[in-house]
Amino acid sequence: MIKIAVPKGRLFEESVGLLSSAGILPEKPSEGRKLTLELGDVALFLVKPFDVPVYVENGVADLGICGYDVYLERKPEVYRILDLGIGLCRISVAGKPESEEKYFSSGHLKVATKYPNIAKDFFTRKGVKADILVLSGSVELAPVIGLSDFILDLVQTGRTLRENGLVEIEEVGSSTAWLICNRASFRNKADRVRDVIERLSEKAGRTL
């Protein structure tokens, strides 16, 4: 049996849709309260997106579908195998419209984010001193109430930013979902892992 960690929430539908259309799953499951599913010879673990690389790195799951943003933040000891081309988002810095001038002229910023490692690396490369405030959710609130000057977060449509009176100021990078693999599983389950990779590669229109 091959064990795959898939992210709950935003990426779930696209992830299981890709797995089922590639013939890896015999059917497309729905997201419910059950956190483990056995479908044919595949065990699915439904976990929070930030936890996918933890399950894979520790060998509980052989494979995982992981946003590149999570991979960059976690820096897990896994093999990053294949860009699946789903879940396209931007990693961006955002703030109030009137704060844009401060962003480009100030050498010291206060930034709220769920991605402290990405933020630290980004602002270090820019040569800007940034106080990083780590939040687990609703980061858009931080500049609205004055907790921070800016946020660094994942942006898909920009609707949440607009609804909170914020604008994108600078794009840090882009993020799509990747297939990641446990290093031991890559050796010990080589044939099965290779089959999954080839099926997904063909479906996602990628070349190995």
Protein backbone atom coordinates (compact mmCIF):
# COMPACT_ATOMS: atom_id res chain seq x y z
CA MET A 1 0.00 0.00 0.00
CA ILE A 2 1.19 3.50 -0.86
CA LYS A 3 0.41 6.26 1.64
CA ILE A 4 -0.24 9.80 0.42
CA ALA A 5 -0.74 12.94 2.52
CA VAL A 6 -3.10 15.43 0.86
CA PRO A 7 -3.89 18.94 2.11
CA LYS A 8 -7.32 19.74 3.45
CA GLY A 9 -9.00 22.96 2.41
CA ARG A 10 -8.15 25.00 -0.68
CA LEU A 11 -6.02 22.37 -2.44
CA PHE A 12 -8.05 19.28 -1.56
CA GLU A 13 -10.43 19.20 -4.55
CA GLU A 14 -7.69 19.76 -7.11
CA SER A 15 -5.40 17.23 -5.41
CA VAL A 16 -7.83 14.32 -5.26
CA GLY A 17 -9.18 15.24 -8.68
CA LEU A 18 -5.69 14.89 -10.14
CA LEU A 19 -5.03 11.64 -8.29
CA SER A 20 -8.30 10.09 -9.47
CA SER A 21 -8.02 11.31 -13.07
CA ALA A 22 -4.49 9.88 -13.21
CA GLY A 23 -5.87 6.48 -12.17
CA ILE A 24 -4.05 6.45 -8.84
CA LEU A 25 -7.34 6.54 -6.92
CA PRO A 26 -10.26 4.36 -8.04
CA GLU A 27 -12.67 7.17 -7.21
CA LYS A 28 -12.64 10.82 -6.19
CA PRO A 29 -13.30 11.11 -2.44
CA SER A 30 -15.06 14.05 -0.81
CA GLU A 31 -13.61 16.05 2.06
CA GLY A 32 -15.36 15.16 5.29
CA ARG A 33 -14.59 14.59 8.93
CA LYS A 34 -12.73 11.35 8.34
CA LEU A 35 -8.98 11.94 8.24
CA THR A 36 -7.84 8.59 6.80
CA LEU A 37 -9.26 6.91 3.72
CA GLU A 38 -8.36 3.60 2.10
CA LEU A 39 -9.12 3.53 -1.61
CA GLY A 40 -7.84 0.41 -3.33
CA ASP A 41 -4.15 0.10 -2.58
CA VAL A 42 -3.83 3.76 -1.56
CA ALA A 43 -4.15 5.19 1.94
CA LEU A 44 -4.95 8.89 2.01
CA PHE A 45 -4.18 11.06 5.03
CA LEU A 46 -6.13 14.34 5.08
CA VAL A 47 -3.96 16.84 6.95
CA LYS A 48 -3.48 20.59 7.30
CA PRO A 49 -1.41 22.01 4.42
CA PHE A 50 1.47 23.05 6.70
CA ASP A 51 1.64 19.51 8.11
CA VAL A 52 2.01 17.62 4.81
CA PRO A 53 5.84 17.76 4.74
CA VAL A 54 6.02 16.66 8.40
CA TYR A 55 4.12 13.45 7.62
CA VAL A 56 6.28 12.78 4.56
CA GLU A 57 9.61 13.64 6.16
CA ASN A 58 8.92 11.30 9.08
CA GLY A 59 7.84 8.42 6.87
CA VAL A 60 4.23 8.24 8.00
CA ALA A 61 3.31 9.08 4.40
CA ASP A 62 5.33 7.94 1.39
CA LEU A 63 4.20 10.83 -0.78
CA GLY A 64 2.53 14.17 -0.25
CA ILE A 65 0.99 17.03 -2.18
CA CYS A 66 2.56 20.17 -0.82
CA GLY A 67 2.32 23.83 -1.75
CA TYR A 68 5.67 25.29 -2.75
CA ASP A 69 5.06 28.03 -0.16
CA VAL A 70 4.90 25.37 2.57
CA TYR A 71 7.99 23.64 1.19
CA LEU A 72 9.97 26.89 1.26
CA GLU A 73 8.83 27.69 4.78
CA ARG A 74 9.35 24.22 6.26
CA LYS A 75 12.51 23.26 4.32
CA PRO A 76 11.81 19.54 4.91
CA GLU A 77 14.28 16.73 4.24
CA VAL A 78 12.27 15.18 1.41
CA TYR A 79 12.56 14.80 -2.35
CA ARG A 80 10.67 17.48 -4.29
CA ILE A 81 9.66 15.45 -7.33
CA LEU A 82 7.12 17.09 -9.60
CA ASP A 83 5.36 20.40 -10.11
CA LEU A 84 1.70 19.38 -10.39
CA GLY A 85 0.61 22.70 -11.85
CA ILE A 86 -2.36 23.12 -9.51
CA GLY A 87 -3.10 25.61 -6.75
CA LEU A 88 -1.33 28.54 -8.41
CA CYS A 89 -0.94 31.46 -6.00
CA ARG A 90 1.37 34.39 -5.36
CA ILE A 91 3.42 35.03 -2.24
CA SER A 92 3.16 38.79 -1.82
CA VAL A 93 3.72 41.69 0.51
CA ALA A 94 0.58 43.75 1.04
CA GLY A 95 -0.49 46.76 3.06
CA LYS A 96 -2.66 49.84 3.06
CA PRO A 97 -2.52 51.87 -0.18
CA GLU A 98 -1.07 54.87 1.63
CA SER A 99 1.77 52.76 3.07
CA GLU A 100 3.31 51.90 -0.30
CA GLU A 101 5.73 54.85 -0.22
CA LYS A 102 6.94 53.83 3.24
CA TYR A 103 7.55 50.30 2.01
CA PHE A 104 9.98 51.42 -0.68
CA SER A 105 11.65 54.22 1.29
CA SER A 106 11.95 52.86 4.83
CA GLY A 107 14.81 50.63 5.93
CA HIS A 108 12.85 49.24 8.90
CA LEU A 109 9.48 47.55 8.53
CA LYS A 110 7.09 45.61 10.76
CA VAL A 111 5.61 42.62 8.91
CA ALA A 112 2.99 40.10 10.04
CA THR A 113 3.04 36.67 8.39
CA LYS A 114 2.46 32.93 8.62
CA TYR A 115 5.75 32.51 6.78
CA PRO A 116 8.54 33.83 9.04
CA ASN A 117 11.34 31.98 7.25
CA ILE A 118 10.27 33.15 3.79
CA ALA A 119 9.85 36.70 5.10
CA LYS A 120 13.23 36.74 6.81
CA ASP A 121 15.01 35.42 3.71
CA PHE A 122 13.20 37.87 1.43
CA PHE A 123 13.87 41.02 3.43
CA THR A 124 17.46 39.97 4.14
CA ARG A 125 18.06 39.73 0.39
CA LYS A 126 16.53 43.19 -0.02
CA GLY A 127 18.78 44.59 2.70
CA VAL A 128 15.78 45.76 4.71
CA LYS A 129 15.48 45.34 8.47
CA ALA A 130 12.12 43.71 9.23
CA ASP A 131 10.52 42.89 12.54
CA ILE A 132 8.61 39.67 11.80
CA LEU A 133 5.38 39.04 13.73
CA VAL A 134 4.26 35.42 13.41
CA LEU A 135 0.50 34.89 13.20
CA SER A 136 -1.38 31.66 12.54
CA GLY A 137 -4.36 33.17 10.76
CA SER A 138 -6.20 36.33 9.65
CA VAL A 139 -2.96 38.17 8.94
CA GLU A 140 -4.94 40.76 6.93
CA LEU A 141 -6.18 42.20 10.21
CA ALA A 142 -2.69 43.18 11.38
CA PRO A 143 -2.14 46.34 9.27
CA VAL A 144 -5.80 47.32 9.55
CA ILE A 145 -5.56 47.66 13.34
CA GLY A 146 -1.96 48.83 13.45
CA LEU A 147 -0.27 45.65 14.68
CA SER A 148 2.04 45.73 11.67
CA ASP A 149 2.86 47.93 8.72
CA PHE A 150 2.58 45.13 6.18
CA ILE A 151 1.81 41.46 5.71
CA LEU A 152 3.50 38.73 3.70
CA ASP A 153 0.98 36.11 2.70
CA LEU A 154 -0.37 33.83 0.01
CA VAL A 155 -2.65 35.58 -2.50
CA GLN A 156 -4.92 33.80 -4.95
CA THR A 157 -7.60 36.20 -6.19
CA GLY A 158 -6.84 39.19 -3.96
CA ARG A 159 -10.44 39.36 -2.79
CA THR A 160 -9.61 39.10 0.92
CA LEU A 161 -7.08 41.92 0.58
CA ARG A 162 -9.57 44.17 -1.19
CA GLU A 163 -12.29 43.47 1.36
CA ASN A 164 -9.92 44.64 4.09
CA GLY A 165 -8.71 47.72 2.24
CA LEU A 166 -5.29 46.31 1.39
CA VAL A 167 -3.31 46.18 -1.85
CA GLU A 168 -0.47 44.02 -3.10
CA ILE A 169 2.78 45.97 -3.01
CA GLU A 170 5.45 43.49 -4.08
CA GLU A 171 5.36 39.91 -5.27
CA VAL A 172 7.84 37.66 -3.48
CA GLY A 173 7.29 34.61 -5.69
CA SER A 174 4.74 32.16 -7.01
CA SER A 175 3.54 28.88 -5.57
CA THR A 176 2.01 25.75 -7.04
CA ALA A 177 1.47 22.30 -5.54
CA TRP A 178 4.34 19.81 -5.76
CA LEU A 179 4.59 16.07 -5.27
CA ILE A 180 7.10 15.34 -2.50
CA CYS A 181 8.47 11.95 -1.47
CA ASN A 182 9.96 10.41 1.64
CA ARG A 183 13.59 9.58 0.97
CA ALA A 184 13.39 6.01 2.27
CA SER A 185 10.15 5.34 0.40
CA PHE A 186 11.80 6.50 -2.82
CA ARG A 187 14.16 3.54 -2.45
CA ASN A 188 12.04 0.95 -0.66
CA LYS A 189 8.87 1.44 -2.72
CA ALA A 190 10.64 2.46 -5.92
CA ASP A 191 8.32 0.69 -8.37
CA ARG A 192 5.10 1.99 -6.82
CA VAL A 193 6.47 5.48 -6.32
CA ARG A 194 7.71 5.59 -9.90
CA ASP A 195 4.29 4.52 -11.16
CA VAL A 196 2.60 7.36 -9.26
CA ILE A 197 5.17 9.86 -10.52
CA GLU A 198 4.76 8.78 -14.14
CA ARG A 199 0.95 8.85 -13.98
CA LEU A 200 0.91 12.32 -12.42
CA SER A 201 3.59 13.58 -14.76
CA GLU A 202 1.54 12.54 -17.78
CA LYS A 203 -1.66 14.04 -16.37
CA ALA A 204 -0.01 17.29 -15.30
CA GLY A 205 1.70 17.62 -18.66
CA ARG A 206 5.18 17.54 -17.13
CA THR A 207 8.30 15.68 -18.24
CA LEU A 208 10.53 13.82 -15.83
